[in-house]
Amino acid sequence: VDLDGFVEVMSEHDVTVNHRVSRAGKPGEKHALSYRLDDMKTPVRGTT
């Protein structure tokens, strides 16, 4: 029902969720999510 609960449930499915914030607290603040399995070298963006 919120982002923290979602991240916790995703970890139980062996998926690590990374929440990244750019320009935090400034105009044009942007948020992005990326996902990674344990055997993946680099995460994949949600937009991908």
All heavy atoms as atom14 arrays in JSON, in Angstrom:
{
  "sequence": "VDLDGFVEVMSEHDVTVNHRVSRAGKPGEKHALSYRLDDMKTPVRGTT",
  "atom14_mask": [
    [1, 1, 1, 1, 1, 1, 1, 0, 0, 0, 0, 0, 0, 0],
    [1, 1, 1, 1, 1, 1, 1, 1, 0, 0, 0, 0, 0, 0],
    [1, 1, 1, 1, 1, 1, 1, 1, 0, 0, 0, 0, 0, 0],
    [1, 1, 1, 1, 1, 1, 1, 1, 0, 0, 0, 0, 0, 0],
    [1, 1, 1, 1, 0, 0, 0, 0, 0, 0, 0, 0, 0, 0],
    [1, 1, 1, 1, 1, 1, 1, 1, 1, 1, 1, 0, 0, 0],
    [1, 1, 1, 1, 1, 1, 1, 0, 0, 0, 0, 0, 0, 0],
    [1, 1, 1, 1, 1, 1, 1, 1, 1, 0, 0, 0, 0, 0],
    [1, 1, 1, 1, 1, 1, 1, 0, 0, 0, 0, 0, 0, 0],
    [1, 1, 1, 1, 1, 1, 1, 1, 0, 0, 0, 0, 0, 0],
    [1, 1, 1, 1, 1, 1, 0, 0, 0, 0, 0, 0, 0, 0],
    [1, 1, 1, 1, 1, 1, 1, 1, 1, 0, 0, 0, 0, 0],
    [1, 1, 1, 1, 1, 1, 1, 1, 1, 1, 0, 0, 0, 0],
    [1, 1, 1, 1, 1, 1, 1, 1, 0, 0, 0, 0, 0, 0],
    [1, 1, 1, 1, 1, 1, 1, 0, 0, 0, 0, 0, 0, 0],
    [1, 1, 1, 1, 1, 1, 1, 0, 0, 0, 0, 0, 0, 0],
    [1, 1, 1, 1, 1, 1, 1, 0, 0, 0, 0, 0, 0, 0],
    [1, 1, 1, 1, 1, 1, 1, 1, 0, 0, 0, 0, 0, 0],
    [1, 1, 1, 1, 1, 1, 1, 1, 1, 1, 0, 0, 0, 0],
    [1, 1, 1, 1, 1, 1, 1, 1, 1, 1, 1, 0, 0, 0],
    [1, 1, 1, 1, 1, 1, 1, 0, 0, 0, 0, 0, 0, 0],
    [1, 1, 1, 1, 1, 1, 0, 0, 0, 0, 0, 0, 0, 0],
    [1, 1, 1, 1, 1, 1, 1, 1, 1, 1, 1, 0, 0, 0],
    [1, 1, 1, 1, 1, 0, 0, 0, 0, 0, 0, 0, 0, 0],
    [1, 1, 1, 1, 0, 0, 0, 0, 0, 0, 0, 0, 0, 0],
    [1, 1, 1, 1, 1, 1, 1, 1, 1, 0, 0, 0, 0, 0],
    [1, 1, 1, 1, 1, 1, 1, 0, 0, 0, 0, 0, 0, 0],
    [1, 1, 1, 1, 0, 0, 0, 0, 0, 0, 0, 0, 0, 0],
    [1, 1, 1, 1, 1, 1, 1, 1, 1, 0, 0, 0, 0, 0],
    [1, 1, 1, 1, 1, 1, 1, 1, 1, 0, 0, 0, 0, 0],
    [1, 1, 1, 1, 1, 1, 1, 1, 1, 1, 0, 0, 0, 0],
    [1, 1, 1, 1, 1, 0, 0, 0, 0, 0, 0, 0, 0, 0],
    [1, 1, 1, 1, 1, 1, 1, 1, 0, 0, 0, 0, 0, 0],
    [1, 1, 1, 1, 1, 1, 0, 0, 0, 0, 0, 0, 0, 0],
    [1, 1, 1, 1, 1, 1, 1, 1, 1, 1, 1, 1, 0, 0],
    [1, 1, 1, 1, 1, 1, 1, 1, 1, 1, 1, 0, 0, 0],
    [1, 1, 1, 1, 1, 1, 1, 1, 0, 0, 0, 0, 0, 0],
    [1, 1, 1, 1, 1, 1, 1, 1, 0, 0, 0, 0, 0, 0],
    [1, 1, 1, 1, 1, 1, 1, 1, 0, 0, 0, 0, 0, 0],
    [1, 1, 1, 1, 1, 1, 1, 1, 0, 0, 0, 0, 0, 0],
    [1, 1, 1, 1, 1, 1, 1, 1, 1, 0, 0, 0, 0, 0],
    [1, 1, 1, 1, 1, 1, 1, 0, 0, 0, 0, 0, 0, 0],
    [1, 1, 1, 1, 1, 1, 1, 0, 0, 0, 0, 0, 0, 0],
    [1, 1, 1, 1, 1, 1, 1, 0, 0, 0, 0, 0, 0, 0],
    [1, 1, 1, 1, 1, 1, 1, 1, 1, 1, 1, 0, 0, 0],
    [1, 1, 1, 1, 0, 0, 0, 0, 0, 0, 0, 0, 0, 0],
    [1, 1, 1, 1, 1, 1, 1, 0, 0, 0, 0, 0, 0, 0],
    [1, 1, 1, 1, 1, 1, 1, 0, 0, 0, 0, 0, 0, 0]
  ],
  "atom14_positions": [
    [[0.83, -1.21, 0.0], [0.0, 0.0, 0.0], [0.86, 1.25, 0.0], [0.35, 2.36, -0.17], [-0.96, 0.01, 1.2], [-2.0, -1.1, 1.07], [-0.18, -0.14, 2.51], [0.0, 0.0, 0.0], [0.0, 0.0, 0.0], [0.0, 0.0, 0.0], [0.0, 0.0, 0.0], [0.0, 0.0, 0.0], [0.0, 0.0, 0.0], [0.0, 0.0, 0.0]],
    [[2.15, 1.08, 0.2], [3.1, 2.18, 0.09], [4.4, 1.63, -0.45], [4.58, 0.42, -0.63], [3.3, 2.87, 1.44], [3.72, 1.93, 2.55], [4.26, 0.83, 2.23], [3.51, 2.24, 3.73], [0.0, 0.0, 0.0], [0.0, 0.0, 0.0], [0.0, 0.0, 0.0], [0.0, 0.0, 0.0], [0.0, 0.0, 0.0], [0.0, 0.0, 0.0]],
    [[5.34, 2.53, -0.7], [6.57, 2.12, -1.36], [7.4, 1.2, -0.47], [7.98, 0.22, -0.96], [7.38, 3.36, -1.76], [8.63, 3.09, -2.6], [8.28, 2.35, -3.89], [9.36, 4.39, -2.93], [0.0, 0.0, 0.0], [0.0, 0.0, 0.0], [0.0, 0.0, 0.0], [0.0, 0.0, 0.0], [0.0, 0.0, 0.0], [0.0, 0.0, 0.0]],
    [[7.47, 1.48, 0.83], [8.28, 0.64, 1.71], [7.74, -0.78, 1.77], [8.51, -1.76, 1.73], [8.31, 1.25, 3.12], [9.06, 2.57, 3.17], [9.92, 2.77, 2.27], [8.79, 3.39, 4.05], [0.0, 0.0, 0.0], [0.0, 0.0, 0.0], [0.0, 0.0, 0.0], [0.0, 0.0, 0.0], [0.0, 0.0, 0.0], [0.0, 0.0, 0.0]],
    [[6.39, -0.91, 1.9], [5.81, -2.24, 1.94], [6.05, -2.99, 0.63], [6.32, -4.2, 0.61], [0.0, 0.0, 0.0], [0.0, 0.0, 0.0], [0.0, 0.0, 0.0], [0.0, 0.0, 0.0], [0.0, 0.0, 0.0], [0.0, 0.0, 0.0], [0.0, 0.0, 0.0], [0.0, 0.0, 0.0], [0.0, 0.0, 0.0], [0.0, 0.0, 0.0]],
    [[5.96, -2.27, -0.48], [6.19, -2.89, -1.79], [7.63, -3.37, -1.92], [7.89, -4.48, -2.41], [5.86, -1.88, -2.88], [6.22, -2.33, -4.27], [5.51, -3.31, -4.92], [7.32, -1.76, -4.93], [5.85, -3.72, -6.2], [7.66, -2.17, -6.2], [6.93, -3.15, -6.85], [0.0, 0.0, 0.0], [0.0, 0.0, 0.0], [0.0, 0.0, 0.0]],
    [[8.58, -2.58, -1.47], [10.0, -2.96, -1.55], [10.25, -4.22, -0.72], [11.0, -5.12, -1.13], [10.9, -1.81, -1.08], [12.35, -2.26, -0.95], [10.79, -0.63, -2.04], [0.0, 0.0, 0.0], [0.0, 0.0, 0.0], [0.0, 0.0, 0.0], [0.0, 0.0, 0.0], [0.0, 0.0, 0.0], [0.0, 0.0, 0.0], [0.0, 0.0, 0.0]],
    [[9.6, -4.3, 0.44], [9.78, -5.47, 1.31], [9.23, -6.73, 0.64], [9.88, -7.79, 0.67], [9.05, -5.23, 2.63], [9.16, -6.41, 3.61], [8.39, -6.16, 4.88], [7.89, -5.04, 5.08], [8.28, -7.11, 5.69], [0.0, 0.0, 0.0], [0.0, 0.0, 0.0], [0.0, 0.0, 0.0], [0.0, 0.0, 0.0], [0.0, 0.0, 0.0]],
    [[8.05, -6.62, 0.04], [7.47, -7.79, -0.62], [8.32, -8.21, -1.83], [8.51, -9.4, -2.08], [6.02, -7.5, -1.05], [5.43, -8.69, -1.81], [5.16, -7.17, 0.16], [0.0, 0.0, 0.0], [0.0, 0.0, 0.0], [0.0, 0.0, 0.0], [0.0, 0.0, 0.0], [0.0, 0.0, 0.0], [0.0, 0.0, 0.0], [0.0, 0.0, 0.0]],
    [[8.82, -7.25, -2.58], [9.66, -7.58, -3.73], [10.92, -8.31, -3.32], [11.4, -9.2, -4.04], [10.03, -6.31, -4.5], [8.89, -5.72, -5.33], [8.53, -6.68, -6.81], [9.88, -6.19, -7.89], [0.0, 0.0, 0.0], [0.0, 0.0, 0.0], [0.0, 0.0, 0.0], [0.0, 0.0, 0.0], [0.0, 0.0, 0.0], [0.0, 0.0, 0.0]],
    [[11.48, -7.98, -2.15], [12.68, -8.67, -1.68], [12.4, -10.14, -1.4], [13.3, -10.98, -1.53], [13.22, -7.98, -0.43], [12.28, -8.08, 0.63], [0.0, 0.0, 0.0], [0.0, 0.0, 0.0], [0.0, 0.0, 0.0], [0.0, 0.0, 0.0], [0.0, 0.0, 0.0], [0.0, 0.0, 0.0], [0.0, 0.0, 0.0], [0.0, 0.0, 0.0]],
    [[11.16, -10.45, -0.99], [10.8, -11.84, -0.76], [10.74, -12.62, -2.07], [10.78, -13.86, -2.07], [9.45, -11.92, -0.06], [9.47, -11.31, 1.35], [8.11, -11.3, 1.99], [7.14, -11.79, 1.34], [7.96, -10.81, 3.13], [0.0, 0.0, 0.0], [0.0, 0.0, 0.0], [0.0, 0.0, 0.0], [0.0, 0.0, 0.0], [0.0, 0.0, 0.0]],
    [[10.62, -11.92, -3.18], [10.66, -12.55, -4.5], [12.06, -12.46, -5.12], [12.23, -12.61, -6.33], [9.65, -11.88, -5.45], [8.23, -12.17, -5.11], [7.55, -11.49, -4.12], [7.35, -13.1, -5.61], [6.3, -11.93, -4.05], [6.16, -12.92, -4.94], [0.0, 0.0, 0.0], [0.0, 0.0, 0.0], [0.0, 0.0, 0.0], [0.0, 0.0, 0.0]],
    [[13.07, -12.2, -4.27], [14.48, -12.15, -4.7], [14.74, -11.01, -5.69], [15.61, -11.1, -6.55], [14.92, -13.47, -5.33], [14.8, -14.63, -4.37], [15.01, -14.41, -3.15], [14.48, -15.75, -4.82], [0.0, 0.0, 0.0], [0.0, 0.0, 0.0], [0.0, 0.0, 0.0], [0.0, 0.0, 0.0], [0.0, 0.0, 0.0], [0.0, 0.0, 0.0]],
    [[13.97, -9.93, -5.56], [14.17, -8.75, -6.39], [14.49, -7.57, -5.49], [13.71, -7.24, -4.58], [12.93, -8.45, -7.26], [13.18, -7.19, -8.09], [12.6, -9.62, -8.15], [0.0, 0.0, 0.0], [0.0, 0.0, 0.0], [0.0, 0.0, 0.0], [0.0, 0.0, 0.0], [0.0, 0.0, 0.0], [0.0, 0.0, 0.0], [0.0, 0.0, 0.0]],
    [[15.63, -6.94, -5.75], [16.03, -5.76, -4.98], [15.55, -4.51, -5.71], [15.82, -4.34, -6.91], [17.55, -5.7, -4.82], [18.0, -6.89, -4.15], [17.96, -4.48, -4.01], [0.0, 0.0, 0.0], [0.0, 0.0, 0.0], [0.0, 0.0, 0.0], [0.0, 0.0, 0.0], [0.0, 0.0, 0.0], [0.0, 0.0, 0.0], [0.0, 0.0, 0.0]],
    [[14.82, -3.65, -4.98], [14.28, -2.41, -5.55], [15.1, -1.24, -5.06], [15.3, -1.09, -3.84], [12.79, -2.23, -5.19], [12.26, -0.94, -5.81], [11.97, -3.42, -5.64], [0.0, 0.0, 0.0], [0.0, 0.0, 0.0], [0.0, 0.0, 0.0], [0.0, 0.0, 0.0], [0.0, 0.0, 0.0], [0.0, 0.0, 0.0], [0.0, 0.0, 0.0]],
    [[15.56, -0.41, -5.98], [16.34, 0.77, -5.63], [15.56, 2.02, -6.0], [15.14, 2.18, -7.15], [17.68, 0.74, -6.37], [18.54, 1.95, -6.05], [18.51, 2.45, -4.92], [19.28, 2.43, -7.03], [0.0, 0.0, 0.0], [0.0, 0.0, 0.0], [0.0, 0.0, 0.0], [0.0, 0.0, 0.0], [0.0, 0.0, 0.0], [0.0, 0.0, 0.0]],
    [[15.36, 2.88, -5.01], [14.65, 4.14, -5.23], [15.67, 5.26, -5.27], [16.35, 5.54, -4.26], [13.62, 4.38, -4.11], [12.91, 5.68, -4.24], [12.44, 6.38, -3.14], [12.6, 6.45, -5.32], [11.86, 7.5, -3.53], [11.95, 7.56, -4.86], [0.0, 0.0, 0.0], [0.0, 0.0, 0.0], [0.0, 0.0, 0.0], [0.0, 0.0, 0.0]],
    [[15.77, 5.91, -6.43], [16.77, 6.96, -6.6], [16.06, 8.29, -6.79], [15.08, 8.39, -7.54], [17.67, 6.66, -7.81], [18.78, 7.67, -8.03], [19.73, 7.18, -9.12], [19.03, 6.99, -10.38], [18.85, 7.95, -11.28], [19.3, 9.19, -11.05], [18.21, 7.7, -12.41], [0.0, 0.0, 0.0], [0.0, 0.0, 0.0], [0.0, 0.0, 0.0]],
    [[16.58, 9.33, -6.11], [16.02, 10.68, -6.19], [17.11, 11.62, -6.68], [18.21, 11.65, -6.12], [15.48, 11.15, -4.83], [14.87, 12.55, -4.96], [14.47, 10.17, -4.27], [0.0, 0.0, 0.0], [0.0, 0.0, 0.0], [0.0, 0.0, 0.0], [0.0, 0.0, 0.0], [0.0, 0.0, 0.0], [0.0, 0.0, 0.0], [0.0, 0.0, 0.0]],
    [[16.81, 12.37, -7.73], [17.74, 13.37, -8.25], [17.16, 14.76, -7.99], [15.94, 14.96, -8.03], [17.98, 13.16, -9.75], [16.78, 13.27, -10.47], [0.0, 0.0, 0.0], [0.0, 0.0, 0.0], [0.0, 0.0, 0.0], [0.0, 0.0, 0.0], [0.0, 0.0, 0.0], [0.0, 0.0, 0.0], [0.0, 0.0, 0.0], [0.0, 0.0, 0.0]],
    [[18.06, 15.7, -7.72], [17.67, 17.08, -7.39], [16.7, 17.09, -6.2], [15.67, 17.77, -6.2], [17.02, 17.75, -8.6], [17.95, 17.93, -9.78], [17.25, 18.63, -10.94], [16.75, 19.96, -10.52], [17.47, 21.07, -10.52], [18.75, 21.03, -10.88], [16.93, 22.22, -10.16], [0.0, 0.0, 0.0], [0.0, 0.0, 0.0], [0.0, 0.0, 0.0]],
    [[17.03, 16.31, -5.17], [16.16, 16.21, -4.0], [16.01, 17.57, -3.33], [16.99, 18.28, -3.09], [16.73, 15.2, -3.01], [0.0, 0.0, 0.0], [0.0, 0.0, 0.0], [0.0, 0.0, 0.0], [0.0, 0.0, 0.0], [0.0, 0.0, 0.0], [0.0, 0.0, 0.0], [0.0, 0.0, 0.0], [0.0, 0.0, 0.0], [0.0, 0.0, 0.0]],
    [[14.75, 17.95, -3.04], [14.46, 19.21, -2.37], [14.6, 20.42, -3.26], [14.51, 21.56, -2.76], [0.0, 0.0, 0.0], [0.0, 0.0, 0.0], [0.0, 0.0, 0.0], [0.0, 0.0, 0.0], [0.0, 0.0, 0.0], [0.0, 0.0, 0.0], [0.0, 0.0, 0.0], [0.0, 0.0, 0.0], [0.0, 0.0, 0.0], [0.0, 0.0, 0.0]],
    [[14.83, 20.25, -4.57], [15.0, 21.38, -5.49], [13.93, 21.3, -6.58], [13.32, 20.25, -6.8], [16.39, 21.34, -6.14], [17.54, 21.44, -5.14], [18.87, 21.38, -5.85], [20.04, 21.45, -4.85], [21.35, 21.37, -5.54], [0.0, 0.0, 0.0], [0.0, 0.0, 0.0], [0.0, 0.0, 0.0], [0.0, 0.0, 0.0], [0.0, 0.0, 0.0]],
    [[13.71, 22.39, -7.28], [12.75, 22.35, -8.4], [13.19, 21.32, -9.45], [14.37, 21.19, -9.76], [12.8, 23.77, -8.96], [13.28, 24.61, -7.82], [14.23, 23.75, -7.04], [0.0, 0.0, 0.0], [0.0, 0.0, 0.0], [0.0, 0.0, 0.0], [0.0, 0.0, 0.0], [0.0, 0.0, 0.0], [0.0, 0.0, 0.0], [0.0, 0.0, 0.0]],
    [[12.23, 20.59, -9.96], [12.55, 19.56, -10.94], [13.01, 18.27, -10.32], [13.7, 17.47, -10.97], [0.0, 0.0, 0.0], [0.0, 0.0, 0.0], [0.0, 0.0, 0.0], [0.0, 0.0, 0.0], [0.0, 0.0, 0.0], [0.0, 0.0, 0.0], [0.0, 0.0, 0.0], [0.0, 0.0, 0.0], [0.0, 0.0, 0.0], [0.0, 0.0, 0.0]],
    [[12.63, 18.07, -9.05], [13.02, 16.82, -8.36], [12.46, 15.61, -9.12], [11.29, 15.59, -9.52], [12.49, 16.83, -6.93], [12.82, 15.57, -6.14], [12.31, 15.65, -4.73], [12.85, 16.45, -3.96], [11.34, 14.92, -4.41], [0.0, 0.0, 0.0], [0.0, 0.0, 0.0], [0.0, 0.0, 0.0], [0.0, 0.0, 0.0], [0.0, 0.0, 0.0]],
    [[13.28, 14.59, -9.33], [12.88, 13.41, -10.09], [13.13, 12.15, -9.28], [14.1, 12.05, -8.53], [13.66, 13.33, -11.41], [13.3, 14.43, -12.4], [14.02, 14.22, -13.72], [13.63, 15.3, -14.73], [14.31, 15.12, -16.02], [0.0, 0.0, 0.0], [0.0, 0.0, 0.0], [0.0, 0.0, 0.0], [0.0, 0.0, 0.0], [0.0, 0.0, 0.0]],
    [[12.18, 11.2, -9.44], [12.29, 9.91, -8.77], [12.35, 8.8, -9.82], [11.69, 8.89, -10.87], [11.08, 9.68, -7.85], [10.97, 10.67, -6.75], [11.36, 10.4, -5.45], [10.53, 11.96, -6.73], [11.15, 11.46, -4.69], [10.65, 12.43, -5.46], [0.0, 0.0, 0.0], [0.0, 0.0, 0.0], [0.0, 0.0, 0.0], [0.0, 0.0, 0.0]],
    [[13.08, 7.76, -9.53], [13.21, 6.63, -10.46], [13.38, 5.35, -9.66], [13.96, 5.35, -8.56], [14.39, 6.82, -11.4], [0.0, 0.0, 0.0], [0.0, 0.0, 0.0], [0.0, 0.0, 0.0], [0.0, 0.0, 0.0], [0.0, 0.0, 0.0], [0.0, 0.0, 0.0], [0.0, 0.0, 0.0], [0.0, 0.0, 0.0], [0.0, 0.0, 0.0]],
    [[12.85, 4.26, -10.23], [12.99, 2.94, -9.63], [13.81, 2.05, -10.56], [13.7, 2.14, -11.79], [11.62, 2.29, -9.41], [10.69, 2.94, -8.39], [9.37, 2.18, -8.33], [11.32, 2.97, -7.0], [0.0, 0.0, 0.0], [0.0, 0.0, 0.0], [0.0, 0.0, 0.0], [0.0, 0.0, 0.0], [0.0, 0.0, 0.0], [0.0, 0.0, 0.0]],
    [[14.62, 1.21, -9.95], [15.37, 0.2, -10.71], [15.27, -1.12, -9.96], [15.05, -1.15, -8.74], [16.84, 0.62, -10.87], [17.46, 0.76, -9.61], [0.0, 0.0, 0.0], [0.0, 0.0, 0.0], [0.0, 0.0, 0.0], [0.0, 0.0, 0.0], [0.0, 0.0, 0.0], [0.0, 0.0, 0.0], [0.0, 0.0, 0.0], [0.0, 0.0, 0.0]],
    [[15.43, -2.22, -10.7], [15.23, -3.56, -10.15], [16.44, -4.43, -10.5], [17.02, -4.29, -11.58], [13.95, -4.19, -10.71], [12.72, -3.32, -10.58], [12.39, -2.4, -11.57], [11.88, -3.41, -9.47], [11.27, -1.6, -11.48], [10.75, -2.62, -9.35], [10.45, -1.71, -10.36], [9.33, -0.92, -10.26], [0.0, 0.0, 0.0], [0.0, 0.0, 0.0]],
    [[16.75, -5.35, -9.56], [17.9, -6.23, -9.82], [17.68, -7.57, -9.14], [17.27, -7.63, -7.98], [19.19, -5.59, -9.29], [20.46, -6.4, -9.6], [21.7, -5.66, -9.12], [21.73, -5.53, -7.68], [22.2, -6.48, -6.85], [22.68, -7.62, -7.34], [22.21, -6.28, -5.54], [0.0, 0.0, 0.0], [0.0, 0.0, 0.0], [0.0, 0.0, 0.0]],
    [[17.94, -8.64, -9.91], [17.97, -9.98, -9.34], [19.35, -10.25, -8.75], [20.32, -9.55, -9.08], [17.66, -11.02, -10.42], [16.24, -10.96, -11.03], [16.13, -11.95, -12.19], [15.19, -11.27, -9.98], [0.0, 0.0, 0.0], [0.0, 0.0, 0.0], [0.0, 0.0, 0.0], [0.0, 0.0, 0.0], [0.0, 0.0, 0.0], [0.0, 0.0, 0.0]],
    [[19.45, -11.23, -7.93], [20.72, -11.51, -7.26], [21.83, -11.85, -8.24], [23.0, -11.52, -8.0], [20.54, -12.66, -6.25], [19.65, -12.27, -5.07], [19.5, -11.05, -4.84], [19.1, -13.18, -4.42], [0.0, 0.0, 0.0], [0.0, 0.0, 0.0], [0.0, 0.0, 0.0], [0.0, 0.0, 0.0], [0.0, 0.0, 0.0], [0.0, 0.0, 0.0]],
    [[21.49, -12.5, -9.35], [22.53, -12.9, -10.31], [22.74, -11.88, -11.43], [23.45, -12.16, -12.39], [22.18, -14.26, -10.92], [20.83, -14.26, -11.6], [20.1, -13.26, -11.46], [20.5, -15.27, -12.28], [0.0, 0.0, 0.0], [0.0, 0.0, 0.0], [0.0, 0.0, 0.0], [0.0, 0.0, 0.0], [0.0, 0.0, 0.0], [0.0, 0.0, 0.0]],
    [[22.12, -10.71, -11.3], [22.31, -9.66, -12.3], [23.43, -8.74, -11.86], [23.49, -8.33, -10.7], [21.02, -8.86, -12.49], [19.9, -9.63, -13.16], [18.34, -8.69, -13.23], [18.85, -7.26, -14.2], [0.0, 0.0, 0.0], [0.0, 0.0, 0.0], [0.0, 0.0, 0.0], [0.0, 0.0, 0.0], [0.0, 0.0, 0.0], [0.0, 0.0, 0.0]],
    [[24.31, -8.38, -12.81], [25.43, -7.52, -12.48], [24.98, -6.07, -12.3], [25.49, -5.36, -11.43], [26.49, -7.6, -13.59], [27.14, -8.96, -13.71], [28.22, -8.96, -14.81], [28.89, -10.31, -14.92], [29.94, -10.32, -15.98], [0.0, 0.0, 0.0], [0.0, 0.0, 0.0], [0.0, 0.0, 0.0], [0.0, 0.0, 0.0], [0.0, 0.0, 0.0]],
    [[24.06, -5.63, -13.12], [23.58, -4.25, -13.03], [22.06, -4.25, -12.97], [21.41, -5.13, -13.55], [24.04, -3.43, -14.26], [23.56, -4.06, -15.44], [25.55, -3.32, -14.29], [0.0, 0.0, 0.0], [0.0, 0.0, 0.0], [0.0, 0.0, 0.0], [0.0, 0.0, 0.0], [0.0, 0.0, 0.0], [0.0, 0.0, 0.0], [0.0, 0.0, 0.0]],
    [[21.46, -3.3, -12.29], [20.0, -3.23, -12.22], [19.42, -2.74, -13.55], [20.12, -2.17, -14.38], [19.75, -2.25, -11.09], [20.95, -1.37, -11.07], [22.12, -2.24, -11.47], [0.0, 0.0, 0.0], [0.0, 0.0, 0.0], [0.0, 0.0, 0.0], [0.0, 0.0, 0.0], [0.0, 0.0, 0.0], [0.0, 0.0, 0.0], [0.0, 0.0, 0.0]],
    [[18.13, -2.96, -13.71], [17.42, -2.5, -14.89], [16.43, -1.44, -14.46], [15.75, -1.56, -13.44], [16.7, -3.67, -15.59], [15.73, -4.39, -14.65], [15.95, -3.17, -16.83], [0.0, 0.0, 0.0], [0.0, 0.0, 0.0], [0.0, 0.0, 0.0], [0.0, 0.0, 0.0], [0.0, 0.0, 0.0], [0.0, 0.0, 0.0], [0.0, 0.0, 0.0]],
    [[16.36, -0.36, -15.2], [15.45, 0.72, -14.86], [14.0, 0.31, -15.08], [13.69, -0.49, -15.96], [15.75, 1.96, -15.7], [17.11, 2.57, -15.42], [17.32, 3.78, -16.33], [18.63, 4.38, -16.11], [19.09, 5.44, -16.78], [18.32, 5.98, -17.73], [20.27, 5.94, -16.5], [0.0, 0.0, 0.0], [0.0, 0.0, 0.0], [0.0, 0.0, 0.0]],
    [[13.11, 0.89, -14.3], [11.69, 0.62, -14.47], [11.2, 1.09, -15.82], [10.35, 0.43, -16.45], [0.0, 0.0, 0.0], [0.0, 0.0, 0.0], [0.0, 0.0, 0.0], [0.0, 0.0, 0.0], [0.0, 0.0, 0.0], [0.0, 0.0, 0.0], [0.0, 0.0, 0.0], [0.0, 0.0, 0.0], [0.0, 0.0, 0.0], [0.0, 0.0, 0.0]],
    [[11.73, 2.22, -16.32], [11.31, 2.71, -17.63], [11.76, 1.78, -18.75], [11.12, 1.73, -19.81], [11.91, 4.11, -17.88], [13.33, 4.07, -17.67], [11.29, 5.13, -16.93], [0.0, 0.0, 0.0], [0.0, 0.0, 0.0], [0.0, 0.0, 0.0], [0.0, 0.0, 0.0], [0.0, 0.0, 0.0], [0.0, 0.0, 0.0], [0.0, 0.0, 0.0]],
    [[12.83, 1.02, -18.52], [13.27, 0.05, -19.52], [12.31, -1.12, -19.59], [12.01, -1.63, -20.68], [14.69, -0.44, -19.2], [15.59, 0.66, -19.17], [15.17, -1.45, -20.23], [0.0, 0.0, 0.0], [0.0, 0.0, 0.0], [0.0, 0.0, 0.0], [0.0, 0.0, 0.0], [0.0, 0.0, 0.0], [0.0, 0.0, 0.0], [0.0, 0.0, 0.0]]
  ]
}
